[in-house]
Amino acid sequence: MQLADWLWRFFSYSFLGWLMESLIFTFEQRRWVNRGFLSGPVCPIYGSGAIMILLVLQPLRDWWPLLLATAILLTTILEYLTSWLMEKLFHARWWDYSGKPFNLHGRITLLHSLSWGVLCLILVYFLDPLLVLLLAGIPADGKAWAGAVALFLLIVDLVLSVSSIVDLNRQLARVHAMTQVIRQKNIELGENIQMRLTFMVQNFKVLRQQAKNISHIQRRLLAAFPNFRSLHYQDSLQRLRRWMKKNKQRQFWPMADMELLRSQFSARRRLPAKIRELKKAGRKKSE
């Protein structure tokens, strides 16, 4: 089989994996979800896993119980390693099965492993033979050129997605640092309510601008992975998600500490009474 055929098998199973994941999460969330790390309609982990299964398990076609057991083992290892690698690269957990029974470190579960095994049986005995027949009817030159274009688009998509996640981590770090500064300055200013309010207003403008810098790709990724969890800046990530939710309703919701914000607004409401008390105290002294 030619290299172009293997390339199109990879793209085909990447697309089918993306379609399956998107439909499942769309049904769960009652809205369309472009599920996948990339913006395009592909999940490369499915394509890579399918190619690995086909290369390793073809000799076991005549004994399906051994093929099933081997498929469960290989796909489970692949899912665990993918979760671990993405956590190390992007300092975040993309999925977490900690709340499900028979999980290992929240990365894999027994139910998912068994499901992967069944899907591998369908792949080896039904999907791949059908796909081979379809690819055989396409001219070799057409498959080669189309495969080269698809591969180029995949690389561009991968570069943009990785850059977006790296930039998201930087933005979360900046929001975290700014929030820490706000809290510390709030403590230093103490009872000086007027200066605290002035300081908060200035920082809200910066935080609001920071929130507006979230790109379309970053928004899509956060929507596609609702269990995405930052290892270092989870509080900032939660504020970002709240802002995005409110922003859909066209309401302003600054990415600042909400408890701190409420306390400042409460202090602002008490400001006129405080001023009256100070004026009253000043008149008593003058008398």
C-alpha atoms as a PDB file:
ATOM      1  CA  MET A   1       0.000   0.000   0.000  1.00  0.00           C
ATOM      2  CA  GLN A   2       1.291   3.456  -0.928  1.00  0.00           C
ATOM      3  CA  LEU A   3       2.212   6.154   1.565  1.00  0.00           C
ATOM      4  CA  ALA A   4      -0.681   8.323   0.353  1.00  0.00           C
ATOM      5  CA  ASP A   5      -3.117   5.554   1.249  1.00  0.00           C
ATOM      6  CA  TRP A   6      -1.787   5.391   4.810  1.00  0.00           C
ATOM      7  CA  LEU A   7      -1.969   9.179   5.028  1.00  0.00           C
ATOM      8  CA  TRP A   8      -5.613   9.171   3.990  1.00  0.00           C
ATOM      9  CA  ARG A   9      -6.387   6.381   6.413  1.00  0.00           C
ATOM     10  CA  PHE A  10      -4.920   8.606   9.115  1.00  0.00           C
ATOM     11  CA  PHE A  11      -7.058  11.599   8.047  1.00  0.00           C
ATOM     12  CA  SER A  12     -10.179   9.474   7.660  1.00  0.00           C
ATOM     13  CA  TYR A  13      -9.983   8.006  11.162  1.00  0.00           C
ATOM     14  CA  SER A  14      -8.996  11.377  12.606  1.00  0.00           C
ATOM     15  CA  PHE A  15     -12.180  12.812  11.079  1.00  0.00           C
ATOM     16  CA  LEU A  16     -14.368   9.926  12.278  1.00  0.00           C
ATOM     17  CA  GLY A  17     -12.938  10.300  15.783  1.00  0.00           C
ATOM     18  CA  TRP A  18     -13.620  14.031  15.736  1.00  0.00           C
ATOM     19  CA  LEU A  19     -17.166  13.427  14.489  1.00  0.00           C
ATOM     20  CA  MET A  20     -17.863  10.853  17.194  1.00  0.00           C
ATOM     21  CA  GLU A  21     -16.507  13.060  19.985  1.00  0.00           C
ATOM     22  CA  SER A  22     -18.322  16.156  18.710  1.00  0.00           C
ATOM     23  CA  LEU A  23     -21.662  14.348  18.449  1.00  0.00           C
ATOM     24  CA  ILE A  24     -21.336  12.863  21.940  1.00  0.00           C
ATOM     25  CA  PHE A  25     -20.528  16.206  23.575  1.00  0.00           C
ATOM     26  CA  THR A  26     -23.110  18.025  21.473  1.00  0.00           C
ATOM     27  CA  PHE A  27     -25.754  15.618  22.790  1.00  0.00           C
ATOM     28  CA  GLU A  28     -24.530  16.037  26.385  1.00  0.00           C
ATOM     29  CA  GLN A  29     -24.338  19.848  26.335  1.00  0.00           C
ATOM     30  CA  ARG A  30     -27.367  20.436  24.074  1.00  0.00           C
ATOM     31  CA  ARG A  31     -25.318  22.661  21.759  1.00  0.00           C
ATOM     32  CA  TRP A  32     -22.834  22.140  18.952  1.00  0.00           C
ATOM     33  CA  VAL A  33     -19.326  21.458  20.273  1.00  0.00           C
ATOM     34  CA  ASN A  34     -16.302  21.401  17.971  1.00  0.00           C
ATOM     35  CA  ARG A  35     -14.566  18.767  20.034  1.00  0.00           C
ATOM     36  CA  GLY A  36     -10.831  18.483  19.484  1.00  0.00           C
ATOM     37  CA  PHE A  37      -7.529  20.157  20.155  1.00  0.00           C
ATOM     38  CA  LEU A  38      -7.340  21.427  16.575  1.00  0.00           C
ATOM     39  CA  SER A  39      -9.759  23.848  14.943  1.00  0.00           C
ATOM     40  CA  GLY A  40     -10.233  21.628  11.887  1.00  0.00           C
ATOM     41  CA  PRO A  41     -12.517  18.558  11.839  1.00  0.00           C
ATOM     42  CA  VAL A  42      -9.841  16.093  12.945  1.00  0.00           C
ATOM     43  CA  CYS A  43      -8.634  14.478  16.175  1.00  0.00           C
ATOM     44  CA  PRO A  44      -5.129  13.201  15.351  1.00  0.00           C
ATOM     45  CA  ILE A  45      -5.066  10.915  18.399  1.00  0.00           C
ATOM     46  CA  TYR A  46      -7.750   8.791  16.722  1.00  0.00           C
ATOM     47  CA  GLY A  47      -5.880   8.676  13.437  1.00  0.00           C
ATOM     48  CA  SER A  48      -2.605   7.798  15.167  1.00  0.00           C
ATOM     49  CA  GLY A  49      -4.290   5.164  17.306  1.00  0.00           C
ATOM     50  CA  ALA A  50      -6.020   3.613  14.293  1.00  0.00           C
ATOM     51  CA  ILE A  51      -2.770   3.387  12.316  1.00  0.00           C
ATOM     52  CA  MET A  52      -1.013   1.818  15.313  1.00  0.00           C
ATOM     53  CA  ILE A  53      -3.811  -0.727  15.747  1.00  0.00           C
ATOM     54  CA  LEU A  54      -3.808  -1.648  12.046  1.00  0.00           C
ATOM     55  CA  LEU A  55      -0.032  -2.101  11.921  1.00  0.00           C
ATOM     56  CA  VAL A  56       0.209  -4.121  15.132  1.00  0.00           C
ATOM     57  CA  LEU A  57      -3.002  -6.158  15.104  1.00  0.00           C
ATOM     58  CA  GLN A  58      -3.279  -7.286  11.480  1.00  0.00           C
ATOM     59  CA  PRO A  59      -1.511 -10.594  12.274  1.00  0.00           C
ATOM     60  CA  LEU A  60      -4.195 -11.274  14.931  1.00  0.00           C
ATOM     61  CA  ARG A  61      -7.216 -10.962  12.630  1.00  0.00           C
ATOM     62  CA  ASP A  62      -7.921 -14.693  12.781  1.00  0.00           C
ATOM     63  CA  TRP A  63      -8.237 -14.710  16.591  1.00  0.00           C
ATOM     64  CA  TRP A  64     -10.499 -11.891  17.691  1.00  0.00           C
ATOM     65  CA  PRO A  65     -10.286 -12.469  21.520  1.00  0.00           C
ATOM     66  CA  LEU A  66      -6.523 -11.873  21.461  1.00  0.00           C
ATOM     67  CA  LEU A  67      -7.012  -8.950  19.083  1.00  0.00           C
ATOM     68  CA  LEU A  68      -9.565  -7.429  21.481  1.00  0.00           C
ATOM     69  CA  ALA A  69      -7.301  -7.831  24.528  1.00  0.00           C
ATOM     70  CA  THR A  70      -4.296  -6.359  22.709  1.00  0.00           C
ATOM     71  CA  ALA A  71      -6.391  -3.466  21.369  1.00  0.00           C
ATOM     72  CA  ILE A  72      -7.626  -2.614  24.883  1.00  0.00           C
ATOM     73  CA  LEU A  73      -4.049  -2.611  26.178  1.00  0.00           C
ATOM     74  CA  LEU A  74      -2.624  -0.488  23.346  1.00  0.00           C
ATOM     75  CA  THR A  75      -5.407   2.132  23.306  1.00  0.00           C
ATOM     76  CA  THR A  76      -5.333   2.441  27.101  1.00  0.00           C
ATOM     77  CA  ILE A  77      -1.587   3.069  27.040  1.00  0.00           C
ATOM     78  CA  LEU A  78      -2.036   5.596  24.228  1.00  0.00           C
ATOM     79  CA  GLU A  79      -4.754   7.523  26.097  1.00  0.00           C
ATOM     80  CA  TYR A  80      -2.727   7.577  29.330  1.00  0.00           C
ATOM     81  CA  LEU A  81       0.452   8.744  27.597  1.00  0.00           C
ATOM     82  CA  THR A  82      -1.440  11.408  25.633  1.00  0.00           C
ATOM     83  CA  SER A  83      -2.959  12.808  28.834  1.00  0.00           C
ATOM     84  CA  TRP A  84       0.425  12.794  30.599  1.00  0.00           C
ATOM     85  CA  LEU A  85       2.260  14.367  27.641  1.00  0.00           C
ATOM     86  CA  MET A  86      -0.290  17.161  27.133  1.00  0.00           C
ATOM     87  CA  GLU A  87      -0.179  17.907  30.860  1.00  0.00           C
ATOM     88  CA  LYS A  88       3.608  18.229  30.787  1.00  0.00           C
ATOM     89  CA  LEU A  89       3.640  20.321  27.613  1.00  0.00           C
ATOM     90  CA  PHE A  90       0.793  22.721  28.456  1.00  0.00           C
ATOM     91  CA  HIS A  91       0.692  22.550  32.283  1.00  0.00           C
ATOM     92  CA  ALA A  92      -2.988  21.601  32.204  1.00  0.00           C
ATOM     93  CA  ARG A  93      -5.310  18.604  32.466  1.00  0.00           C
ATOM     94  CA  TRP A  94      -7.502  18.262  29.385  1.00  0.00           C
ATOM     95  CA  TRP A  95      -9.774  15.519  30.719  1.00  0.00           C
ATOM     96  CA  ASP A  96     -10.206  14.056  34.164  1.00  0.00           C
ATOM     97  CA  TYR A  97     -11.957  10.777  34.998  1.00  0.00           C
ATOM     98  CA  SER A  98     -11.316  11.024  38.729  1.00  0.00           C
ATOM     99  CA  GLY A  99     -15.028  10.945  39.480  1.00  0.00           C
ATOM    100  CA  LYS A 100     -15.604   7.743  37.515  1.00  0.00           C
ATOM    101  CA  PRO A 101     -15.114   4.185  38.839  1.00  0.00           C
ATOM    102  CA  PHE A 102     -12.009   2.133  38.063  1.00  0.00           C
ATOM    103  CA  ASN A 103      -9.899   5.078  36.918  1.00  0.00           C
ATOM    104  CA  LEU A 104      -6.129   5.405  37.045  1.00  0.00           C
ATOM    105  CA  HIS A 105      -4.876   8.872  38.044  1.00  0.00           C
ATOM    106  CA  GLY A 106      -7.965  10.323  36.366  1.00  0.00           C
ATOM    107  CA  ARG A 107      -6.407   9.681  32.940  1.00  0.00           C
ATOM    108  CA  ILE A 108      -8.081   6.406  31.957  1.00  0.00           C
ATOM    109  CA  THR A 109     -11.071   4.341  33.082  1.00  0.00           C
ATOM    110  CA  LEU A 110     -12.055   0.716  32.638  1.00  0.00           C
ATOM    111  CA  LEU A 111     -15.241   1.630  30.754  1.00  0.00           C
ATOM    112  CA  HIS A 112     -13.370   3.764  28.232  1.00  0.00           C
ATOM    113  CA  SER A 113     -10.732   1.067  27.748  1.00  0.00           C
ATOM    114  CA  LEU A 114     -13.379  -1.558  27.000  1.00  0.00           C
ATOM    115  CA  SER A 115     -15.079   0.863  24.604  1.00  0.00           C
ATOM    116  CA  TRP A 116     -11.805   1.422  22.740  1.00  0.00           C
ATOM    117  CA  GLY A 117     -11.424  -2.340  22.383  1.00  0.00           C
ATOM    118  CA  VAL A 118     -14.863  -2.717  20.795  1.00  0.00           C
ATOM    119  CA  LEU A 119     -14.169   0.205  18.447  1.00  0.00           C
ATOM    120  CA  CYS A 120     -10.925  -1.466  17.384  1.00  0.00           C
ATOM    121  CA  LEU A 121     -12.832  -4.626  16.438  1.00  0.00           C
ATOM    122  CA  ILE A 122     -15.163  -2.520  14.281  1.00  0.00           C
ATOM    123  CA  LEU A 123     -12.129  -0.782  12.775  1.00  0.00           C
ATOM    124  CA  VAL A 124     -10.235  -3.942  11.840  1.00  0.00           C
ATOM    125  CA  TYR A 125     -13.136  -6.057  10.573  1.00  0.00           C
ATOM    126  CA  PHE A 126     -15.470  -3.471   9.013  1.00  0.00           C
ATOM    127  CA  LEU A 127     -14.240   0.124   8.640  1.00  0.00           C
ATOM    128  CA  ASP A 128     -10.740  -0.437   7.302  1.00  0.00           C
ATOM    129  CA  PRO A 129     -11.667  -2.989   4.592  1.00  0.00           C
ATOM    130  CA  LEU A 130     -14.361  -0.576   3.370  1.00  0.00           C
ATOM    131  CA  LEU A 131     -11.964   2.378   3.383  1.00  0.00           C
ATOM    132  CA  VAL A 132      -9.328   0.392   1.463  1.00  0.00           C
ATOM    133  CA  LEU A 133     -11.876  -0.317  -1.254  1.00  0.00           C
ATOM    134  CA  LEU A 134     -12.825   3.365  -1.466  1.00  0.00           C
ATOM    135  CA  LEU A 135      -9.186   4.498  -1.662  1.00  0.00           C
ATOM    136  CA  ALA A 136      -8.451   1.966  -4.395  1.00  0.00           C
ATOM    137  CA  GLY A 137     -10.902   3.773  -6.679  1.00  0.00           C
ATOM    138  CA  ILE A 138      -9.113   7.144  -6.383  1.00  0.00           C
ATOM    139  CA  PRO A 139      -6.206   7.977  -8.761  1.00  0.00           C
ATOM    140  CA  ALA A 140      -2.807   7.840  -7.076  1.00  0.00           C
ATOM    141  CA  ASP A 141      -1.807  11.365  -8.172  1.00  0.00           C
ATOM    142  CA  GLY A 142      -5.031  12.835  -6.797  1.00  0.00           C
ATOM    143  CA  LYS A 143      -4.518  11.122  -3.434  1.00  0.00           C
ATOM    144  CA  ALA A 144      -0.922  12.325  -3.249  1.00  0.00           C
ATOM    145  CA  TRP A 145      -1.647  15.989  -4.018  1.00  0.00           C
ATOM    146  CA  ALA A 146      -4.742  16.141  -1.839  1.00  0.00           C
ATOM    147  CA  GLY A 147      -2.870  14.408   0.967  1.00  0.00           C
ATOM    148  CA  ALA A 148      -0.025  16.936   0.764  1.00  0.00           C
ATOM    149  CA  VAL A 149      -2.469  19.865   0.975  1.00  0.00           C
ATOM    150  CA  ALA A 150      -4.337  18.263   3.901  1.00  0.00           C
ATOM    151  CA  LEU A 151      -1.057  17.606   5.717  1.00  0.00           C
ATOM    152  CA  PHE A 152       0.029  21.228   5.239  1.00  0.00           C
ATOM    153  CA  LEU A 153      -3.289  22.501   6.649  1.00  0.00           C
ATOM    154  CA  LEU A 154      -2.972  20.115   9.581  1.00  0.00           C
ATOM    155  CA  ILE A 155       0.496  21.450  10.426  1.00  0.00           C
ATOM    156  CA  VAL A 156      -0.712  25.065  10.240  1.00  0.00           C
ATOM    157  CA  ASP A 157      -3.685  24.213  12.471  1.00  0.00           C
ATOM    158  CA  LEU A 158      -1.383  22.481  14.944  1.00  0.00           C
ATOM    159  CA  VAL A 159       0.996  25.447  15.124  1.00  0.00           C
ATOM    160  CA  LEU A 160      -1.879  27.906  15.688  1.00  0.00           C
ATOM    161  CA  SER A 161      -3.500  25.736  18.363  1.00  0.00           C
ATOM    162  CA  VAL A 162      -0.264  25.188  20.277  1.00  0.00           C
ATOM    163  CA  SER A 163       0.539  28.910  20.097  1.00  0.00           C
ATOM    164  CA  SER A 164      -2.934  29.737  21.425  1.00  0.00           C
ATOM    165  CA  ILE A 165      -2.546  27.443  24.431  1.00  0.00           C
ATOM    166  CA  VAL A 166       0.916  28.817  25.223  1.00  0.00           C
ATOM    167  CA  ASP A 167      -0.488  32.367  24.997  1.00  0.00           C
ATOM    168  CA  LEU A 168      -3.452  31.391  27.183  1.00  0.00           C
ATOM    169  CA  ASN A 169      -1.086  30.214  29.906  1.00  0.00           C
ATOM    170  CA  ARG A 170       0.746  33.529  29.697  1.00  0.00           C
ATOM    171  CA  GLN A 171      -2.514  35.459  30.003  1.00  0.00           C
ATOM    172  CA  LEU A 172      -3.573  33.382  33.001  1.00  0.00           C
ATOM    173  CA  ALA A 173      -0.217  34.102  34.602  1.00  0.00           C
ATOM    174  CA  ARG A 174      -0.670  37.843  34.025  1.00  0.00           C
ATOM    175  CA  VAL A 175      -4.196  37.801  35.450  1.00  0.00           C
ATOM    176  CA  HIS A 176      -2.951  35.873  38.471  1.00  0.00           C
ATOM    177  CA  ALA A 177      -0.126  38.361  39.067  1.00  0.00           C
ATOM    178  CA  MET A 178      -2.459  41.345  38.667  1.00  0.00           C
ATOM    179  CA  THR A 179      -4.990  39.847  41.069  1.00  0.00           C
ATOM    180  CA  GLN A 180      -2.256  39.306  43.650  1.00  0.00           C
ATOM    181  CA  VAL A 181      -1.183  42.943  43.271  1.00  0.00           C
ATOM    182  CA  ILE A 182      -4.780  44.123  43.727  1.00  0.00           C
ATOM    183  CA  ARG A 183      -5.182  42.093  46.895  1.00  0.00           C
ATOM    184  CA  GLN A 184      -1.868  43.266  48.340  1.00  0.00           C
ATOM    185  CA  LYS A 185      -2.523  46.908  47.492  1.00  0.00           C
ATOM    186  CA  ASN A 186      -6.002  46.633  48.960  1.00  0.00           C
ATOM    187  CA  ILE A 187      -4.455  45.500  52.252  1.00  0.00           C
ATOM    188  CA  GLU A 188      -1.846  48.281  52.189  1.00  0.00           C
ATOM    189  CA  LEU A 189      -4.429  51.013  51.596  1.00  0.00           C
ATOM    190  CA  GLY A 190      -6.450  49.784  54.552  1.00  0.00           C
ATOM    191  CA  GLU A 191      -9.242  52.192  55.474  1.00  0.00           C
ATOM    192  CA  ASN A 192      -8.420  54.718  52.773  1.00  0.00           C
ATOM    193  CA  ILE A 193     -11.586  53.966  50.819  1.00  0.00           C
ATOM    194  CA  GLN A 194     -11.194  56.702  48.207  1.00  0.00           C
ATOM    195  CA  MET A 195      -7.712  55.540  47.175  1.00  0.00           C
ATOM    196  CA  ARG A 196      -8.835  51.911  47.150  1.00  0.00           C
ATOM    197  CA  LEU A 197     -11.668  52.730  44.788  1.00  0.00           C
ATOM    198  CA  THR A 198      -9.389  54.742  42.498  1.00  0.00           C
ATOM    199  CA  PHE A 199      -6.876  51.907  42.423  1.00  0.00           C
ATOM    200  CA  MET A 200      -9.593  49.328  41.691  1.00  0.00           C
ATOM    201  CA  VAL A 201     -11.061  51.343  38.803  1.00  0.00           C
ATOM    202  CA  GLN A 202      -7.647  51.675  37.172  1.00  0.00           C
ATOM    203  CA  ASN A 203      -6.974  47.953  37.453  1.00  0.00           C
ATOM    204  CA  PHE A 204     -10.435  46.959  36.248  1.00  0.00           C
ATOM    205  CA  LYS A 205      -9.671  48.705  32.958  1.00  0.00           C
ATOM    206  CA  VAL A 206      -6.495  46.665  32.576  1.00  0.00           C
ATOM    207  CA  LEU A 207      -8.260  43.433  33.524  1.00  0.00           C
ATOM    208  CA  ARG A 208     -11.098  44.122  31.104  1.00  0.00           C
ATOM    209  CA  GLN A 209      -8.634  44.684  28.268  1.00  0.00           C
ATOM    210  CA  GLN A 210      -6.864  41.454  29.240  1.00  0.00           C
ATOM    211  CA  ALA A 211     -10.172  39.597  29.021  1.00  0.00           C
ATOM    212  CA  LYS A 212     -10.861  41.002  25.557  1.00  0.00           C
ATOM    213  CA  ASN A 213      -7.548  39.570  24.319  1.00  0.00           C
ATOM    214  CA  ILE A 214      -8.894  35.999  24.478  1.00  0.00           C
ATOM    215  CA  SER A 215      -8.778  34.716  20.888  1.00  0.00           C
ATOM    216  CA  HIS A 216     -11.381  32.714  19.004  1.00  0.00           C
ATOM    217  CA  ILE A 217      -9.217  29.570  19.181  1.00  0.00           C
ATOM    218  CA  GLN A 218      -8.802  29.935  22.944  1.00  0.00           C
ATOM    219  CA  ARG A 219     -12.547  30.385  23.396  1.00  0.00           C
ATOM    220  CA  ARG A 220     -13.231  27.304  21.293  1.00  0.00           C
ATOM    221  CA  LEU A 221     -10.745  25.171  23.223  1.00  0.00           C
ATOM    222  CA  LEU A 222     -12.193  26.181  26.592  1.00  0.00           C
ATOM    223  CA  ALA A 223     -15.685  25.401  25.306  1.00  0.00           C
ATOM    224  CA  ALA A 224     -14.606  22.078  23.785  1.00  0.00           C
ATOM    225  CA  PHE A 225     -12.881  20.929  26.979  1.00  0.00           C
ATOM    226  CA  PRO A 226     -15.135  21.877  29.913  1.00  0.00           C
ATOM    227  CA  ASN A 227     -12.894  19.855  32.269  1.00  0.00           C
ATOM    228  CA  PHE A 228      -9.751  21.657  31.137  1.00  0.00           C
ATOM    229  CA  ARG A 229      -7.873  22.544  34.335  1.00  0.00           C
ATOM    230  CA  SER A 230      -4.792  24.715  34.715  1.00  0.00           C
ATOM    231  CA  LEU A 231      -2.226  23.226  37.099  1.00  0.00           C
ATOM    232  CA  HIS A 232      -0.910  26.616  38.275  1.00  0.00           C
ATOM    233  CA  TYR A 233      -3.599  29.235  37.612  1.00  0.00           C
ATOM    234  CA  GLN A 234      -6.923  27.485  38.110  1.00  0.00           C
ATOM    235  CA  ASP A 235      -8.451  30.464  39.956  1.00  0.00           C
ATOM    236  CA  SER A 236      -7.653  32.759  37.035  1.00  0.00           C
ATOM    237  CA  LEU A 237      -9.053  30.183  34.605  1.00  0.00           C
ATOM    238  CA  GLN A 238     -12.327  30.024  36.542  1.00  0.00           C
ATOM    239  CA  ARG A 239     -12.615  33.819  36.423  1.00  0.00           C
ATOM    240  CA  LEU A 240     -11.997  33.670  32.684  1.00  0.00           C
ATOM    241  CA  ARG A 241     -14.755  31.098  32.204  1.00  0.00           C
ATOM    242  CA  ARG A 242     -17.172  33.234  34.247  1.00  0.00           C
ATOM    243  CA  TRP A 243     -16.320  36.278  32.150  1.00  0.00           C
ATOM    244  CA  MET A 244     -16.841  34.313  28.922  1.00  0.00           C
ATOM    245  CA  LYS A 245     -20.217  33.075  30.154  1.00  0.00           C
ATOM    246  CA  LYS A 246     -21.334  36.583  31.079  1.00  0.00           C
ATOM    247  CA  ASN A 247     -19.882  38.003  27.883  1.00  0.00           C
ATOM    248  CA  LYS A 248     -22.170  35.756  25.836  1.00  0.00           C
ATOM    249  CA  GLN A 249     -25.024  37.587  27.547  1.00  0.00           C
ATOM    250  CA  ARG A 250     -23.417  40.898  26.518  1.00  0.00           C
ATOM    251  CA  GLN A 251     -22.751  41.901  30.091  1.00  0.00           C
ATOM    252  CA  PHE A 252     -19.488  43.270  31.434  1.00  0.00           C
ATOM    253  CA  TRP A 253     -17.845  40.979  33.953  1.00  0.00           C
ATOM    254  CA  PRO A 254     -14.230  41.947  34.771  1.00  0.00           C
ATOM    255  CA  MET A 255     -11.719  39.208  35.405  1.00  0.00           C
ATOM    256  CA  ALA A 256     -10.991  40.414  38.917  1.00  0.00           C
ATOM    257  CA  ASP A 257     -11.466  38.718  42.245  1.00  0.00           C
ATOM    258  CA  MET A 258     -15.248  38.738  42.643  1.00  0.00           C
ATOM    259  CA  GLU A 259     -15.163  38.763  46.421  1.00  0.00           C
ATOM    260  CA  LEU A 260     -12.818  41.725  46.311  1.00  0.00           C
ATOM    261  CA  LEU A 261     -15.077  43.459  43.797  1.00  0.00           C
ATOM    262  CA  ARG A 262     -18.148  42.982  45.974  1.00  0.00           C
ATOM    263  CA  SER A 263     -16.331  44.367  49.001  1.00  0.00           C
ATOM    264  CA  GLN A 264     -15.280  47.456  47.033  1.00  0.00           C
ATOM    265  CA  PHE A 265     -18.804  48.120  45.776  1.00  0.00           C
ATOM    266  CA  SER A 266     -20.071  47.682  49.309  1.00  0.00           C
ATOM    267  CA  ALA A 267     -17.452  50.165  50.512  1.00  0.00           C
ATOM    268  CA  ARG A 268     -18.511  52.575  47.777  1.00  0.00           C
ATOM    269  CA  ARG A 269     -22.103  52.480  49.011  1.00  0.00           C
ATOM    270  CA  ARG A 270     -20.866  53.266  52.537  1.00  0.00           C
ATOM    271  CA  LEU A 271     -18.683  56.154  51.320  1.00  0.00           C
ATOM    272  CA  PRO A 272     -21.301  58.963  51.641  1.00  0.00           C
ATOM    273  CA  ALA A 273     -22.053  57.911  55.230  1.00  0.00           C
ATOM    274  CA  LYS A 274     -18.332  57.850  55.972  1.00  0.00           C
ATOM    275  CA  ILE A 275     -17.925  61.360  54.558  1.00  0.00           C
ATOM    276  CA  ARG A 276     -20.813  62.644  56.679  1.00  0.00           C
ATOM    277  CA  GLU A 277     -19.215  61.128  59.789  1.00  0.00           C
ATOM    278  CA  LEU A 278     -15.883  62.795  58.998  1.00  0.00           C
ATOM    279  CA  LYS A 279     -17.569  66.174  58.445  1.00  0.00           C
ATOM    280  CA  LYS A 280     -19.473  65.801  61.679  1.00  0.00           C
ATOM    281  CA  ALA A 281     -16.279  64.923  63.558  1.00  0.00           C
ATOM    282  CA  GLY A 282     -14.558  67.953  61.989  1.00  0.00           C
ATOM    283  CA  ARG A 283     -17.342  70.315  63.137  1.00  0.00           C
ATOM    284  CA  LYS A 284     -17.133  68.957  66.692  1.00  0.00           C
ATOM    285  CA  LYS A 285     -13.367  69.609  66.759  1.00  0.00           C
ATOM    286  CA  SER A 286     -13.834  73.154  65.490  1.00  0.00           C
ATOM    287  CA  GLU A 287     -16.387  73.818  68.198  1.00  0.00           C
END
